[in-house]
């Protein structure tokens, strides 16, 4: 996820302080990985330097000065370009799972046990996501569906690999 573009997009509804940007980001996108304040302020500093945001006001308070940021026309154009650009699908050609299976075969360990353990872990994670989906709002349901579909694809790969272990062993550890 592009944090800079996400923060820019949040600014399109109006100027905000860094604290407000972090809170809104966490509410909308940070369910599992909230932003750190330092990340917000370093990103805003970079966006300011690149002319994508401007300081709309500075307020003095009991602590450090609070800057209110506003998106510039260049920032709006940048967000529009980012939103219109399709994401490159991640083909997972260098999968850690594949590496573990091959290393298990190369070192004469039980790759079938490794696959069984991974299958159990995937199913455990899928159950947790299904529970979260059942209790969540629409945004949470969509996020969980995305993760579940990826885990289902992984499960299909685990089954296919388990069925081909003997052939793979012949190829990688003759």
Protein backbone atom coordinates (compact mmCIF):
# COMPACT_ATOMS: atom_id res chain seq x y z
CA UNK A 1 0.00 0.00 0.00
CA UNK A 2 1.25 3.47 -0.79
CA UNK A 3 0.93 5.37 2.46
CA UNK A 4 1.70 8.69 0.77
CA UNK A 5 -1.06 8.25 -1.78
CA UNK A 6 -3.48 7.09 0.89
CA UNK A 7 -2.78 10.14 3.06
CA UNK A 8 -3.13 12.39 -0.01
CA UNK A 9 -6.48 10.78 -0.80
CA UNK A 10 -7.65 11.41 2.76
CA UNK A 11 -6.74 15.08 2.38
CA UNK A 12 -9.04 15.46 -0.62
CA UNK A 13 -11.99 15.83 1.78
CA UNK A 14 -10.31 18.83 3.41
CA UNK A 15 -7.25 19.98 5.38
CA UNK A 16 -6.22 17.90 8.38
CA UNK A 17 -3.58 17.67 11.08
CA UNK A 18 -1.19 14.72 11.13
CA UNK A 19 -2.98 13.31 14.16
CA UNK A 20 -6.31 13.35 12.30
CA UNK A 21 -4.73 11.71 9.25
CA UNK A 22 -3.31 8.91 11.40
CA UNK A 23 -6.62 8.35 13.20
CA UNK A 24 -8.59 8.23 9.94
CA UNK A 25 -6.00 5.98 8.27
CA UNK A 26 -6.12 3.56 11.20
CA UNK A 27 -9.94 3.52 11.18
CA UNK A 28 -10.21 2.88 7.44
CA UNK A 29 -7.08 0.89 6.56
CA UNK A 30 -4.98 0.11 9.62
CA UNK A 31 -7.04 -2.62 11.27
CA UNK A 32 -4.06 -4.95 11.47
CA UNK A 33 -1.19 -2.49 11.03
CA UNK A 34 -1.84 1.00 12.38
CA UNK A 35 0.50 3.77 11.29
CA UNK A 36 3.14 5.12 13.63
CA UNK A 37 3.06 8.87 14.17
CA UNK A 38 6.63 9.15 12.92
CA UNK A 39 5.61 7.51 9.66
CA UNK A 40 2.78 10.00 9.19
CA UNK A 41 4.99 13.02 9.83
CA UNK A 42 7.92 11.79 7.72
CA UNK A 43 5.51 11.05 4.85
CA UNK A 44 3.87 14.46 5.18
CA UNK A 45 7.30 16.10 5.17
CA UNK A 46 8.18 14.29 1.92
CA UNK A 47 4.82 15.20 0.35
CA UNK A 48 5.37 18.83 1.36
CA UNK A 49 8.86 18.83 -0.15
CA UNK A 50 7.47 17.34 -3.39
CA UNK A 51 4.74 19.99 -3.64
CA UNK A 52 1.87 17.52 -3.20
CA UNK A 53 0.65 19.11 0.05
CA UNK A 54 0.98 22.52 1.63
CA UNK A 55 0.74 23.77 5.19
CA UNK A 56 -2.73 25.27 5.53
CA UNK A 57 -2.19 26.57 9.03
CA UNK A 58 -0.14 26.20 12.20
CA UNK A 59 -1.69 26.11 15.64
CA UNK A 60 0.21 26.58 18.88
CA UNK A 61 -0.87 24.46 21.79
CA UNK A 62 0.39 22.92 24.97
CA UNK A 63 2.90 20.85 23.02
CA UNK A 64 4.58 21.17 19.65
CA UNK A 65 3.00 23.30 16.94
CA UNK A 66 0.31 21.49 15.00
CA UNK A 67 0.47 21.84 11.23
CA UNK A 68 -2.70 21.50 9.21
CA UNK A 69 -2.00 20.05 5.76
CA UNK A 70 -3.97 20.57 2.55
CA UNK A 71 -3.58 18.74 -0.74
CA UNK A 72 -2.37 20.77 -3.74
CA UNK A 73 -3.59 20.44 -7.33
CA UNK A 74 -0.41 18.46 -8.05
CA UNK A 75 -1.38 16.16 -5.16
CA UNK A 76 -4.89 15.66 -6.54
CA UNK A 77 -3.42 14.83 -9.95
CA UNK A 78 -0.96 12.39 -8.36
CA UNK A 79 -3.72 10.57 -6.46
CA UNK A 80 -5.88 10.38 -9.60
CA UNK A 81 -2.96 8.90 -11.56
CA UNK A 82 -2.23 6.37 -8.79
CA UNK A 83 -5.89 5.30 -8.55
CA UNK A 84 -6.12 4.87 -12.33
CA UNK A 85 -2.96 2.72 -12.52
CA UNK A 86 -3.69 -1.01 -12.13
CA UNK A 87 -1.65 -2.80 -9.48
CA UNK A 88 0.80 -5.38 -10.79
CA UNK A 89 -0.36 -8.81 -9.67
CA UNK A 90 2.15 -10.49 -7.39
CA UNK A 91 3.04 -13.85 -8.94
CA UNK A 92 4.80 -15.21 -5.82
CA UNK A 93 7.52 -16.80 -7.94
CA UNK A 94 9.94 -16.80 -5.02
CA UNK A 95 7.65 -18.23 -2.38
CA UNK A 96 9.01 -19.03 1.07
CA UNK A 97 6.77 -22.11 1.11
CA UNK A 98 8.33 -23.43 -2.09
CA UNK A 99 11.81 -22.76 -0.70
CA UNK A 100 11.00 -24.68 2.49
CA UNK A 101 9.65 -27.67 0.53
CA UNK A 102 12.74 -27.83 -1.69
CA UNK A 103 15.10 -27.43 1.28
CA UNK A 104 13.26 -30.17 3.16
CA UNK A 105 13.77 -32.48 0.18
CA UNK A 106 17.42 -31.47 -0.25
CA UNK A 107 18.16 -32.10 3.41
CA UNK A 108 16.19 -35.37 3.52
CA UNK A 109 13.54 -34.03 5.88
CA UNK A 110 9.86 -34.89 5.63
CA UNK A 111 8.38 -32.39 3.19
CA UNK A 112 4.94 -33.99 3.56
CA UNK A 113 4.95 -33.12 7.28
CA UNK A 114 5.98 -29.58 6.41
CA UNK A 115 3.05 -29.31 3.98
CA UNK A 116 0.64 -30.80 6.53
CA UNK A 117 1.77 -28.32 9.17
CA UNK A 118 1.40 -25.44 6.75
CA UNK A 119 -2.05 -26.64 5.71
CA UNK A 120 -3.10 -26.68 9.39
CA UNK A 121 -1.75 -23.16 9.88
CA UNK A 122 -3.62 -21.91 6.80
CA UNK A 123 -6.86 -23.50 7.99
CA UNK A 124 -6.42 -21.97 11.47
CA UNK A 125 -5.89 -18.56 9.92
CA UNK A 126 -8.89 -19.04 7.61
CA UNK A 127 -11.12 -19.88 10.59
CA UNK A 128 -10.00 -16.70 12.38
CA UNK A 129 -10.67 -14.60 9.27
CA UNK A 130 -14.09 -16.21 8.81
CA UNK A 131 -14.97 -15.34 12.42
CA UNK A 132 -13.72 -11.78 11.95
CA UNK A 133 -15.72 -11.51 8.72
CA UNK A 134 -18.89 -12.71 10.45
CA UNK A 135 -18.57 -10.00 13.13
CA UNK A 136 -17.21 -7.22 10.90
CA UNK A 137 -18.65 -4.39 8.91
CA UNK A 138 -18.65 -4.37 5.11
CA UNK A 139 -15.09 -3.03 4.86
CA UNK A 140 -13.81 -5.73 7.21
CA UNK A 141 -15.75 -8.39 5.29
CA UNK A 142 -14.16 -7.33 2.01
CA UNK A 143 -10.66 -7.29 3.52
CA UNK A 144 -11.24 -10.75 4.98
CA UNK A 145 -12.60 -12.06 1.66
CA UNK A 146 -9.45 -10.86 -0.10
CA UNK A 147 -7.24 -12.65 2.41
CA UNK A 148 -9.39 -15.79 2.36
CA UNK A 149 -9.23 -16.08 -1.42
CA UNK A 150 -5.42 -15.87 -1.28
CA UNK A 151 -5.30 -18.50 1.45
CA UNK A 152 -7.59 -20.77 -0.60
CA UNK A 153 -5.18 -20.48 -3.53
CA UNK A 154 -2.31 -21.37 -1.19
CA UNK A 155 -4.24 -24.43 0.01
CA UNK A 156 -4.72 -25.58 -3.58
CA UNK A 157 -0.97 -25.18 -4.12
CA UNK A 158 -0.22 -27.16 -0.93
CA UNK A 159 -2.45 -30.01 -2.12
CA UNK A 160 -0.94 -30.01 -5.60
CA UNK A 161 2.60 -29.96 -4.21
CA UNK A 162 1.82 -32.80 -1.79
CA UNK A 163 0.54 -34.86 -4.73
CA UNK A 164 3.76 -34.15 -6.67
CA UNK A 165 6.32 -34.57 -3.89
CA UNK A 166 7.82 -37.76 -5.30
CA UNK A 167 8.36 -36.17 -8.70
CA UNK A 168 9.76 -33.00 -7.13
CA UNK A 169 12.14 -35.07 -5.00
CA UNK A 170 13.48 -36.74 -8.17
CA UNK A 171 14.08 -33.36 -9.76
CA UNK A 172 15.67 -31.46 -6.86
CA UNK A 173 17.38 -34.26 -4.90
CA UNK A 174 18.10 -37.15 -7.31
